[in-house]
Amino acid sequence: MREVVIYLGEDEYWVAEVPSLPGCISQGKTKEEVIRNVKEAISCYTHALEADSLPVPEERFEVMVLAV
């Protein structure tokens, strides 16, 4: 289970970032597409770490939403 931040980018594509996996970012034309894409990105990211015998970062759910 991973925390994923999804938002609409400047180019009108949805962007998904995974804070606990630095550099794990994906995008899609729709929310559904970006969700599919980020699931695949997470899987590839963690498999690559495991293949290189590197530790997979643990998830730390610590979310705060601020209205400014």
Protein backbone atom coordinates (compact mmCIF):
# COMPACT_ATOMS: atom_id res chain seq x y z
CA MET A 1 0.00 0.00 0.00
CA ARG A 2 1.42 3.39 -1.00
CA GLU A 3 0.38 6.98 -0.57
CA VAL A 4 -0.11 8.54 -4.01
CA VAL A 5 -0.68 12.23 -4.70
CA ILE A 6 -2.70 12.88 -7.86
CA TYR A 7 -3.23 16.31 -9.40
CA LEU A 8 -4.01 17.92 -12.74
CA GLY A 9 -0.81 19.17 -14.37
CA GLU A 10 -0.30 22.29 -16.46
CA ASP A 11 -0.58 20.27 -19.68
CA GLU A 12 -4.06 18.98 -18.67
CA TYR A 13 -2.65 15.50 -17.96
CA TRP A 14 -3.13 13.94 -14.53
CA VAL A 15 0.11 13.49 -12.58
CA ALA A 16 0.71 10.92 -9.84
CA GLU A 17 3.64 11.08 -7.43
CA VAL A 18 4.62 8.53 -4.78
CA PRO A 19 6.30 10.45 -1.92
CA SER A 20 7.81 7.34 -0.29
CA LEU A 21 9.50 6.32 -3.57
CA PRO A 22 11.60 9.30 -4.72
CA GLY A 23 11.29 9.86 -8.46
CA CYS A 24 8.34 7.49 -8.86
CA ILE A 25 6.03 9.65 -10.98
CA SER A 26 3.51 8.83 -13.68
CA GLN A 27 0.84 10.58 -15.72
CA GLY A 28 -2.29 9.90 -17.75
CA LYS A 29 -5.01 11.65 -19.72
CA THR A 30 -7.67 10.61 -17.18
CA LYS A 31 -7.70 9.80 -13.48
CA GLU A 32 -8.34 6.17 -14.31
CA GLU A 33 -5.35 6.07 -16.66
CA VAL A 34 -2.99 7.74 -14.20
CA ILE A 35 -4.04 5.29 -11.48
CA ARG A 36 -3.29 2.32 -13.76
CA ASN A 37 0.02 3.89 -14.78
CA VAL A 38 1.18 4.70 -11.25
CA LYS A 39 0.36 1.17 -10.07
CA GLU A 40 2.64 -0.14 -12.80
CA ALA A 41 5.32 2.45 -11.95
CA ILE A 42 5.26 1.42 -8.27
CA SER A 43 5.59 -2.24 -9.22
CA CYS A 44 8.50 -1.58 -11.60
CA TYR A 45 10.22 0.70 -9.07
CA THR A 46 10.06 -1.79 -6.21
CA HIS A 47 11.04 -4.75 -8.43
CA ALA A 48 14.09 -2.80 -9.66
CA LEU A 49 15.18 -2.08 -6.08
CA GLU A 50 14.74 -5.74 -5.13
CA ALA A 51 16.65 -6.89 -8.23
CA ASP A 52 19.55 -4.65 -7.20
CA SER A 53 19.36 -5.95 -3.60
CA LEU A 54 18.43 -2.48 -2.36
CA PRO A 55 15.92 -1.89 0.42
CA VAL A 56 12.40 -0.88 -0.56
CA PRO A 57 11.42 2.20 1.47
CA GLU A 58 8.61 1.65 3.93
CA GLU A 59 5.45 3.66 3.54
CA ARG A 60 4.77 6.32 6.15
CA PHE A 61 1.24 7.64 5.85
CA GLU A 62 1.49 11.15 7.19
CA VAL A 63 -0.84 13.39 5.24
CA MET A 64 -1.83 16.95 5.97
CA VAL A 65 -4.06 19.09 3.80
CA LEU A 66 -3.80 22.84 4.20
CA ALA A 67 -6.14 25.44 2.76
CA VAL A 68 -4.21 28.63 2.19
